[in-house]
N, C-alpha and C. Protein backbone atom coordinates (compact mmCIF):
# COMPACT_ATOMS: atom_id res chain seq x y z
N MET A 1 56.55 124.85 143.96
CA MET A 1 55.62 124.52 142.92
C MET A 1 56.27 123.57 141.92
N THR A 2 55.60 122.54 141.59
CA THR A 2 56.12 121.57 140.65
C THR A 2 55.51 121.82 139.28
N SER A 3 56.25 121.50 138.26
CA SER A 3 55.74 121.69 136.91
C SER A 3 54.91 120.48 136.50
N PRO A 4 53.91 120.72 135.72
CA PRO A 4 53.07 119.59 135.31
C PRO A 4 53.84 118.66 134.38
N ILE A 5 53.51 117.40 134.41
CA ILE A 5 54.15 116.42 133.52
C ILE A 5 53.52 116.57 132.14
N ARG A 6 54.39 116.74 131.18
CA ARG A 6 53.92 116.90 129.80
C ARG A 6 54.18 115.64 129.01
N PRO A 7 53.25 115.30 128.15
CA PRO A 7 53.51 114.12 127.30
C PRO A 7 54.65 114.43 126.33
N PRO A 8 55.37 113.40 125.88
CA PRO A 8 56.46 113.65 124.92
C PRO A 8 55.92 114.29 123.65
N HIS A 9 56.73 115.19 123.13
CA HIS A 9 56.38 115.86 121.88
C HIS A 9 56.69 114.91 120.73
N ARG A 10 55.76 114.71 119.88
CA ARG A 10 55.92 113.68 118.84
C ARG A 10 56.33 114.23 117.50
N GLY A 11 56.58 115.49 117.33
CA GLY A 11 56.87 116.04 116.01
C GLY A 11 58.33 116.32 115.77
N ALA A 12 58.90 117.29 116.40
CA ALA A 12 60.21 117.82 116.05
C ALA A 12 61.36 116.92 116.44
N ARG A 13 61.31 116.30 117.58
CA ARG A 13 62.46 115.52 118.04
C ARG A 13 62.79 114.33 117.14
N PRO A 14 61.83 113.49 116.76
CA PRO A 14 62.19 112.40 115.86
C PRO A 14 62.71 112.91 114.52
N LEU A 15 62.11 113.94 113.97
CA LEU A 15 62.58 114.50 112.71
C LEU A 15 63.99 115.04 112.86
N ARG A 16 64.24 115.72 113.96
CA ARG A 16 65.58 116.25 114.21
C ARG A 16 66.59 115.10 114.29
N GLY A 17 66.20 113.99 114.91
CA GLY A 17 67.08 112.82 114.98
C GLY A 17 67.37 112.24 113.61
N VAL A 18 66.36 112.17 112.76
CA VAL A 18 66.55 111.66 111.40
C VAL A 18 67.48 112.58 110.63
N LEU A 19 67.25 113.88 110.76
CA LEU A 19 68.10 114.84 110.05
C LEU A 19 69.53 114.77 110.56
N LEU A 20 69.69 114.66 111.89
CA LEU A 20 71.02 114.57 112.46
C LEU A 20 71.71 113.29 111.98
N GLY A 21 70.99 112.17 111.99
CA GLY A 21 71.55 110.91 111.51
C GLY A 21 71.92 110.98 110.04
N SER A 22 71.10 111.60 109.24
CA SER A 22 71.40 111.76 107.81
C SER A 22 72.63 112.62 107.62
N GLY A 23 72.75 113.65 108.42
CA GLY A 23 73.92 114.53 108.33
C GLY A 23 75.20 113.81 108.70
N VAL A 24 75.12 112.97 109.73
CA VAL A 24 76.29 112.18 110.13
C VAL A 24 76.68 111.22 109.02
N LEU A 25 75.70 110.54 108.43
CA LEU A 25 76.00 109.61 107.33
C LEU A 25 76.60 110.34 106.13
N ALA A 26 76.05 111.50 105.80
CA ALA A 26 76.58 112.28 104.68
C ALA A 26 78.01 112.71 104.98
N GLY A 27 78.25 113.12 106.22
CA GLY A 27 79.61 113.52 106.60
C GLY A 27 80.59 112.36 106.51
N LEU A 28 80.17 111.18 106.95
CA LEU A 28 81.04 110.00 106.85
C LEU A 28 81.32 109.64 105.39
N ALA A 29 80.32 109.78 104.54
CA ALA A 29 80.51 109.49 103.12
C ALA A 29 81.53 110.46 102.51
N VAL A 30 81.42 111.73 102.86
CA VAL A 30 82.36 112.73 102.35
C VAL A 30 83.77 112.42 102.85
N LEU A 31 83.90 112.04 104.12
CA LEU A 31 85.21 111.68 104.65
C LEU A 31 85.79 110.46 103.94
N ALA A 32 84.94 109.46 103.68
CA ALA A 32 85.41 108.25 103.01
C ALA A 32 85.89 108.57 101.60
N VAL A 33 85.14 109.38 100.87
CA VAL A 33 85.55 109.75 99.52
C VAL A 33 86.86 110.54 99.57
N GLY A 34 86.95 111.47 100.50
CA GLY A 34 88.19 112.25 100.64
C GLY A 34 89.38 111.37 100.97
N ALA A 35 89.18 110.41 101.88
CA ALA A 35 90.26 109.50 102.23
C ALA A 35 90.65 108.64 101.03
N GLY A 36 89.65 108.20 100.27
CA GLY A 36 89.94 107.40 99.08
C GLY A 36 90.71 108.18 98.04
N ARG A 37 90.32 109.41 97.83
CA ARG A 37 91.03 110.26 96.85
C ARG A 37 92.45 110.56 97.30
N ALA A 38 92.67 110.57 98.62
CA ALA A 38 94.01 110.81 99.15
C ALA A 38 94.87 109.55 99.14
N GLY A 39 94.29 108.41 98.74
CA GLY A 39 95.05 107.18 98.61
C GLY A 39 94.99 106.26 99.81
N ALA A 40 94.11 106.52 100.77
CA ALA A 40 94.04 105.71 101.98
C ALA A 40 93.63 104.27 101.72
N PHE A 41 92.92 104.00 100.62
CA PHE A 41 92.44 102.65 100.35
C PHE A 41 93.22 101.99 99.21
N GLY A 42 94.33 102.57 98.79
CA GLY A 42 95.08 102.05 97.65
C GLY A 42 95.83 100.78 97.94
N GLY A 43 96.36 100.64 99.15
CA GLY A 43 97.13 99.45 99.49
C GLY A 43 98.50 99.45 98.82
N ALA A 44 99.33 98.53 99.23
CA ALA A 44 100.68 98.41 98.67
C ALA A 44 100.67 97.44 97.50
N PRO A 45 101.43 97.73 96.45
CA PRO A 45 101.47 96.80 95.31
C PRO A 45 102.15 95.49 95.71
N PRO A 46 101.64 94.37 95.24
CA PRO A 46 102.26 93.09 95.55
C PRO A 46 103.64 92.99 94.91
N ALA A 47 104.54 92.33 95.59
CA ALA A 47 105.90 92.18 95.08
C ALA A 47 106.08 90.89 94.30
N ASP A 48 105.09 90.02 94.31
CA ASP A 48 105.26 88.68 93.73
C ASP A 48 104.42 88.43 92.49
N LEU A 49 104.15 89.46 91.71
CA LEU A 49 103.40 89.27 90.47
C LEU A 49 104.35 88.87 89.35
N GLY A 50 103.79 88.36 88.28
CA GLY A 50 104.59 87.93 87.14
C GLY A 50 104.31 86.48 86.82
N VAL A 51 105.03 85.97 85.84
CA VAL A 51 104.87 84.58 85.38
C VAL A 51 106.02 83.75 85.91
N THR A 52 105.69 82.66 86.60
CA THR A 52 106.70 81.75 87.12
C THR A 52 106.33 80.34 86.69
N ASP A 53 107.21 79.71 85.95
CA ASP A 53 106.96 78.34 85.46
C ASP A 53 105.63 78.23 84.72
N GLY A 54 105.33 79.23 83.89
CA GLY A 54 104.12 79.20 83.08
C GLY A 54 102.83 79.47 83.85
N ARG A 55 102.95 80.02 85.07
CA ARG A 55 101.76 80.30 85.87
C ARG A 55 101.83 81.71 86.45
N LEU A 56 100.66 82.33 86.49
CA LEU A 56 100.52 83.58 87.23
C LEU A 56 100.29 83.23 88.70
N LYS A 57 100.36 84.22 89.55
CA LYS A 57 100.12 84.04 90.98
C LYS A 57 98.74 83.40 91.20
N PRO A 58 98.56 82.60 92.25
CA PRO A 58 97.23 82.03 92.51
C PRO A 58 96.20 83.10 92.84
N PRO A 59 94.92 82.74 92.82
CA PRO A 59 93.89 83.71 93.21
C PRO A 59 94.11 84.18 94.65
N SER A 60 93.49 85.28 94.99
CA SER A 60 93.57 85.79 96.36
C SER A 60 92.94 84.80 97.33
N GLY A 61 93.28 84.93 98.59
CA GLY A 61 92.71 84.09 99.62
C GLY A 61 91.32 84.55 100.04
N THR A 62 90.88 85.68 99.51
CA THR A 62 89.53 86.18 99.77
C THR A 62 88.81 86.36 98.44
N ASP A 63 87.51 86.58 98.50
CA ASP A 63 86.70 86.65 97.28
C ASP A 63 86.82 88.01 96.59
N ASN A 64 88.03 88.31 96.09
CA ASN A 64 88.24 89.59 95.42
C ASN A 64 89.18 89.48 94.23
N SER A 65 89.17 88.32 93.56
CA SER A 65 90.06 88.16 92.41
C SER A 65 89.45 87.22 91.38
N VAL A 66 90.00 87.31 90.17
CA VAL A 66 89.68 86.38 89.09
C VAL A 66 91.00 85.95 88.45
N SER A 67 91.02 84.73 87.90
CA SER A 67 92.22 84.22 87.26
C SER A 67 91.83 83.18 86.22
N SER A 68 92.42 83.32 85.03
CA SER A 68 92.17 82.31 84.00
C SER A 68 92.94 81.03 84.29
N GLN A 69 93.85 81.09 85.24
CA GLN A 69 94.62 79.91 85.62
C GLN A 69 94.23 79.37 86.99
N ALA A 70 93.09 79.78 87.51
CA ALA A 70 92.66 79.33 88.84
C ALA A 70 92.60 77.81 88.91
N GLY A 71 92.26 77.16 87.81
CA GLY A 71 92.21 75.70 87.78
C GLY A 71 93.56 75.04 87.96
N ARG A 72 94.63 75.78 87.74
CA ARG A 72 95.97 75.24 87.93
C ARG A 72 96.36 75.24 89.41
N TRP A 73 95.46 75.74 90.25
CA TRP A 73 95.67 75.77 91.71
C TRP A 73 94.50 75.03 92.37
N PRO A 74 94.31 73.72 92.10
CA PRO A 74 93.12 73.01 92.58
C PRO A 74 93.03 72.94 94.11
N GLU A 75 94.13 73.08 94.80
CA GLU A 75 94.10 73.05 96.25
C GLU A 75 93.64 74.38 96.86
N HIS A 76 93.57 75.41 96.04
CA HIS A 76 93.17 76.73 96.53
C HIS A 76 91.67 76.72 96.84
N PRO A 77 91.26 77.23 98.02
CA PRO A 77 89.84 77.16 98.39
C PRO A 77 88.90 77.97 97.50
N LEU A 78 89.40 78.98 96.81
CA LEU A 78 88.55 79.81 95.96
C LEU A 78 88.83 79.63 94.47
N HIS A 79 89.46 78.52 94.09
CA HIS A 79 89.81 78.37 92.68
C HIS A 79 88.59 78.32 91.77
N LEU A 80 87.48 77.77 92.24
CA LEU A 80 86.27 77.73 91.40
C LEU A 80 85.63 79.11 91.29
N ALA A 81 85.56 79.84 92.39
CA ALA A 81 84.94 81.17 92.38
C ALA A 81 85.76 82.17 91.56
N ALA A 82 87.08 81.98 91.54
CA ALA A 82 87.95 82.92 90.83
C ALA A 82 88.10 82.61 89.35
N GLN A 83 87.68 81.43 88.90
CA GLN A 83 87.88 81.01 87.51
C GLN A 83 87.20 81.96 86.52
N ILE A 84 87.94 82.34 85.50
CA ILE A 84 87.43 83.15 84.40
C ILE A 84 88.16 82.68 83.14
N ASP A 85 87.52 82.79 82.00
CA ASP A 85 88.15 82.36 80.75
C ASP A 85 89.29 83.30 80.36
N PRO A 86 90.33 82.76 79.71
CA PRO A 86 91.39 83.63 79.20
C PRO A 86 90.86 84.47 78.04
N LEU A 87 91.62 85.47 77.66
CA LEU A 87 91.26 86.29 76.50
C LEU A 87 91.77 85.59 75.25
N LEU A 88 90.99 85.66 74.19
CA LEU A 88 91.35 84.99 72.95
C LEU A 88 91.80 85.99 71.90
N PRO A 89 93.01 85.83 71.38
CA PRO A 89 93.43 86.68 70.26
C PRO A 89 92.65 86.30 69.00
N ARG A 90 92.70 87.16 68.01
CA ARG A 90 92.12 86.81 66.71
C ARG A 90 92.87 85.61 66.15
N ALA A 91 92.22 84.87 65.30
CA ALA A 91 92.83 83.65 64.76
C ALA A 91 94.14 83.93 64.03
N ASP A 92 94.24 85.09 63.36
CA ASP A 92 95.44 85.42 62.58
C ASP A 92 96.41 86.32 63.35
N GLU A 93 96.22 86.44 64.66
CA GLU A 93 97.00 87.41 65.45
C GLU A 93 97.84 86.68 66.50
N PRO A 94 99.14 86.89 66.49
CA PRO A 94 99.96 86.29 67.55
C PRO A 94 99.63 86.94 68.90
N GLY A 95 99.86 86.19 69.97
CA GLY A 95 99.55 86.67 71.32
C GLY A 95 100.15 88.02 71.66
N PRO A 96 101.44 88.27 71.38
CA PRO A 96 102.01 89.58 71.70
C PRO A 96 101.32 90.74 70.98
N ALA A 97 100.86 90.52 69.74
CA ALA A 97 100.13 91.59 69.03
C ALA A 97 98.78 91.84 69.69
N ALA A 98 98.11 90.78 70.11
CA ALA A 98 96.83 90.93 70.82
C ALA A 98 97.05 91.64 72.15
N LEU A 99 98.15 91.35 72.81
CA LEU A 99 98.47 92.00 74.09
C LEU A 99 98.71 93.50 73.89
N GLN A 100 99.35 93.87 72.80
CA GLN A 100 99.57 95.30 72.53
C GLN A 100 98.26 96.00 72.17
N ARG A 101 97.38 95.30 71.50
CA ARG A 101 96.06 95.86 71.20
C ARG A 101 95.27 96.05 72.50
N LEU A 102 95.39 95.07 73.40
CA LEU A 102 94.75 95.18 74.71
C LEU A 102 95.33 96.35 75.49
N ARG A 103 96.63 96.54 75.42
CA ARG A 103 97.26 97.67 76.11
C ARG A 103 96.68 99.00 75.63
N ARG A 104 96.51 99.16 74.34
CA ARG A 104 95.94 100.41 73.82
C ARG A 104 94.52 100.63 74.34
N LEU A 105 93.73 99.56 74.43
CA LEU A 105 92.37 99.67 74.96
C LEU A 105 92.40 100.08 76.45
N ILE A 106 93.32 99.50 77.19
CA ILE A 106 93.44 99.82 78.62
C ILE A 106 93.89 101.25 78.81
N GLU A 107 94.86 101.70 78.00
CA GLU A 107 95.37 103.07 78.14
C GLU A 107 94.29 104.11 77.82
N ALA A 108 93.30 103.73 77.05
CA ALA A 108 92.21 104.66 76.71
C ALA A 108 91.23 104.84 77.86
N ARG A 109 91.29 103.97 78.86
CA ARG A 109 90.41 104.07 80.02
C ARG A 109 90.95 105.15 80.96
N GLY A 110 90.09 105.74 81.72
CA GLY A 110 90.52 106.76 82.67
C GLY A 110 90.94 106.21 84.02
N ASP A 111 90.78 104.90 84.24
CA ASP A 111 91.04 104.33 85.57
C ASP A 111 92.28 103.45 85.61
N ALA A 112 93.09 103.45 84.56
CA ALA A 112 94.19 102.49 84.46
C ALA A 112 95.55 103.16 84.35
N GLN A 113 96.53 102.47 84.90
CA GLN A 113 97.93 102.89 84.75
C GLN A 113 98.75 101.65 84.43
N VAL A 114 99.45 101.68 83.30
CA VAL A 114 100.32 100.57 82.94
C VAL A 114 101.55 100.63 83.83
N VAL A 115 101.81 99.54 84.53
CA VAL A 115 102.94 99.46 85.46
C VAL A 115 104.14 98.80 84.80
N GLU A 116 103.88 97.78 84.00
CA GLU A 116 104.95 97.05 83.32
C GLU A 116 104.43 96.54 81.99
N SER A 117 105.26 96.65 80.96
CA SER A 117 104.85 96.17 79.64
C SER A 117 106.05 95.55 78.93
N ARG A 118 105.89 94.29 78.58
CA ARG A 118 106.87 93.57 77.78
C ARG A 118 106.11 92.96 76.60
N PRO A 119 106.78 92.46 75.60
CA PRO A 119 106.06 91.89 74.46
C PRO A 119 105.05 90.80 74.85
N ASP A 120 105.37 90.01 75.89
CA ASP A 120 104.47 88.90 76.26
C ASP A 120 103.76 89.10 77.59
N TYR A 121 103.94 90.25 78.25
CA TYR A 121 103.38 90.44 79.60
C TYR A 121 102.98 91.90 79.80
N LEU A 122 101.84 92.08 80.46
CA LEU A 122 101.34 93.43 80.74
C LEU A 122 100.80 93.44 82.17
N ARG A 123 101.25 94.42 82.94
CA ARG A 123 100.75 94.60 84.30
C ARG A 123 100.14 95.98 84.41
N VAL A 124 98.92 96.05 84.98
CA VAL A 124 98.15 97.29 85.04
C VAL A 124 97.56 97.45 86.43
N SER A 125 97.49 98.69 86.89
CA SER A 125 96.77 99.02 88.13
C SER A 125 95.52 99.80 87.74
N PHE A 126 94.38 99.36 88.26
CA PHE A 126 93.10 100.04 88.05
C PHE A 126 92.69 100.67 89.39
N ARG A 127 92.27 101.94 89.35
CA ARG A 127 91.85 102.64 90.55
C ARG A 127 90.37 102.99 90.42
N THR A 128 89.59 102.63 91.47
CA THR A 128 88.17 102.96 91.44
C THR A 128 87.97 104.46 91.60
N ARG A 129 86.90 104.95 91.01
CA ARG A 129 86.69 106.39 90.91
C ARG A 129 86.52 107.09 92.25
N TRP A 130 85.62 106.62 93.08
CA TRP A 130 85.25 107.38 94.27
C TRP A 130 86.13 107.07 95.47
N LEU A 131 86.40 105.82 95.73
CA LEU A 131 87.13 105.48 96.95
C LEU A 131 88.60 105.16 96.72
N GLY A 132 89.01 105.08 95.46
CA GLY A 132 90.43 104.90 95.16
C GLY A 132 90.99 103.53 95.48
N PHE A 133 90.13 102.50 95.54
CA PHE A 133 90.65 101.14 95.72
C PHE A 133 91.45 100.77 94.47
N VAL A 134 92.54 100.03 94.66
CA VAL A 134 93.40 99.66 93.54
C VAL A 134 93.34 98.15 93.33
N ASP A 135 93.17 97.76 92.07
CA ASP A 135 93.19 96.36 91.65
C ASP A 135 94.38 96.18 90.71
N ASP A 136 95.13 95.12 90.92
CA ASP A 136 96.27 94.80 90.05
C ASP A 136 95.86 93.73 89.07
N ALA A 137 96.11 93.98 87.79
CA ALA A 137 95.77 93.01 86.74
C ALA A 137 97.04 92.67 85.97
N GLU A 138 97.14 91.41 85.60
CA GLU A 138 98.26 90.95 84.78
C GLU A 138 97.70 90.17 83.60
N PHE A 139 98.37 90.33 82.48
CA PHE A 139 97.97 89.66 81.24
C PHE A 139 99.24 89.05 80.64
N TRP A 140 99.19 87.76 80.29
CA TRP A 140 100.35 87.08 79.75
C TRP A 140 99.96 86.35 78.47
N ALA A 141 100.68 86.62 77.39
CA ALA A 141 100.47 85.92 76.12
C ALA A 141 101.11 84.55 76.24
N ASP A 142 100.30 83.56 76.52
CA ASP A 142 100.74 82.18 76.75
C ASP A 142 100.96 81.51 75.40
N PRO A 143 102.23 81.30 74.99
CA PRO A 143 102.47 80.75 73.65
C PRO A 143 102.00 79.31 73.50
N ALA A 144 102.05 78.52 74.56
CA ALA A 144 101.65 77.11 74.46
C ALA A 144 100.14 76.98 74.27
N ALA A 145 99.37 77.80 74.95
CA ALA A 145 97.90 77.71 74.86
C ALA A 145 97.32 78.61 73.77
N GLY A 146 98.10 79.59 73.30
CA GLY A 146 97.61 80.50 72.26
C GLY A 146 96.53 81.46 72.76
N VAL A 147 96.56 81.77 74.05
CA VAL A 147 95.58 82.68 74.66
C VAL A 147 96.32 83.71 75.52
N ILE A 148 95.57 84.67 76.01
CA ILE A 148 96.12 85.62 76.97
C ILE A 148 95.59 85.23 78.34
N GLN A 149 96.49 84.68 79.16
CA GLN A 149 96.14 84.33 80.54
C GLN A 149 96.04 85.63 81.33
N LEU A 150 95.21 85.63 82.38
CA LEU A 150 95.03 86.86 83.14
C LEU A 150 94.76 86.57 84.61
N ARG A 151 95.05 87.56 85.40
CA ARG A 151 94.73 87.55 86.83
C ARG A 151 94.46 88.99 87.21
N SER A 152 93.40 89.22 87.98
CA SER A 152 93.07 90.55 88.46
C SER A 152 92.58 90.43 89.89
N ALA A 153 93.16 91.21 90.79
CA ALA A 153 92.83 91.08 92.21
C ALA A 153 92.90 92.43 92.91
N SER A 154 92.03 92.61 93.87
CA SER A 154 92.03 93.81 94.70
C SER A 154 93.18 93.74 95.70
N ARG A 155 93.79 94.89 95.96
CA ARG A 155 94.87 94.94 96.94
C ARG A 155 94.37 94.85 98.37
N VAL A 156 93.23 95.45 98.64
CA VAL A 156 92.69 95.47 100.00
C VAL A 156 91.23 95.01 99.99
N GLY A 157 90.74 94.60 101.13
CA GLY A 157 89.35 94.20 101.25
C GLY A 157 89.16 92.71 101.05
N ARG A 158 88.08 92.21 101.60
CA ARG A 158 87.78 90.79 101.50
C ARG A 158 86.91 90.46 100.29
N ARG A 159 86.19 91.43 99.78
CA ARG A 159 85.29 91.23 98.63
C ARG A 159 85.47 92.39 97.66
N ASP A 160 85.22 92.12 96.40
CA ASP A 160 85.24 93.19 95.41
C ASP A 160 83.89 93.37 94.74
N PHE A 161 82.88 92.59 95.17
CA PHE A 161 81.52 92.68 94.66
C PHE A 161 81.47 92.53 93.14
N GLY A 162 82.38 91.71 92.61
CA GLY A 162 82.39 91.41 91.18
C GLY A 162 83.08 92.44 90.30
N ALA A 163 83.77 93.41 90.91
CA ALA A 163 84.40 94.49 90.13
C ALA A 163 85.49 93.97 89.19
N ASN A 164 86.34 93.07 89.66
CA ASN A 164 87.41 92.55 88.80
C ASN A 164 86.83 91.74 87.63
N ARG A 165 85.85 90.90 87.91
CA ARG A 165 85.23 90.10 86.84
C ARG A 165 84.55 91.01 85.81
N ALA A 166 83.82 92.01 86.29
CA ALA A 166 83.12 92.93 85.37
C ALA A 166 84.11 93.69 84.50
N ARG A 167 85.21 94.13 85.08
CA ARG A 167 86.22 94.87 84.30
C ARG A 167 86.84 93.99 83.24
N ILE A 168 87.18 92.76 83.60
CA ILE A 168 87.78 91.83 82.63
C ILE A 168 86.78 91.53 81.51
N GLU A 169 85.53 91.33 81.84
CA GLU A 169 84.53 91.04 80.80
C GLU A 169 84.33 92.25 79.89
N ALA A 170 84.41 93.46 80.44
CA ALA A 170 84.33 94.67 79.61
C ALA A 170 85.53 94.75 78.68
N LEU A 171 86.71 94.41 79.17
CA LEU A 171 87.91 94.39 78.31
C LEU A 171 87.79 93.31 77.24
N ARG A 172 87.24 92.15 77.61
CA ARG A 172 87.03 91.07 76.64
C ARG A 172 86.14 91.55 75.49
N ALA A 173 85.05 92.22 75.85
CA ALA A 173 84.12 92.73 74.83
C ALA A 173 84.79 93.80 73.97
N ALA A 174 85.54 94.69 74.59
CA ALA A 174 86.22 95.75 73.82
C ALA A 174 87.27 95.13 72.89
N LEU A 175 87.97 94.12 73.36
CA LEU A 175 88.99 93.46 72.54
C LEU A 175 88.33 92.76 71.34
N ALA A 176 87.19 92.17 71.54
CA ALA A 176 86.46 91.51 70.44
C ALA A 176 85.97 92.51 69.41
N ARG A 177 85.63 93.73 69.86
CA ARG A 177 85.13 94.77 68.94
C ARG A 177 86.25 95.49 68.20
N SER A 178 87.44 95.50 68.75
CA SER A 178 88.52 96.32 68.15
C SER A 178 89.22 95.60 67.00
């Protein structure tokens, strides 16, 4: 005896597939957050940061950095995309004093760690909250220009979706208010 052919059931199976797919996506999200919190996306700190001949390191080779000195690297393919204005000290404030004021603002954030601090130079690592991506930022009190030159770049990934630019602009606004 053969069983009759039944039409496909249209209710439970597609819903079960959606629920299963949603569960898989939720599980992957939890794994990604856990891996990020464990430092899997932190990357290694660059060894070549700092000021050399009045210049910070060039922008990254991918779209994940900003630099107030990007124009000093005209041969760089992303120098226009990475360009950002330097930070301006108050008219009556020397660059090193403005840099120390900036350091205090950065230390008040929950996502920053000061890596190096000198009177004319500040290096900071910023860690994103959920996935733990690390961005390295440098600030230099440029005595010739009377501004604070800066560079901020992600350690890993090809794009930062504007995170470095947004962070620098938030610091610019906080510095103007303080």
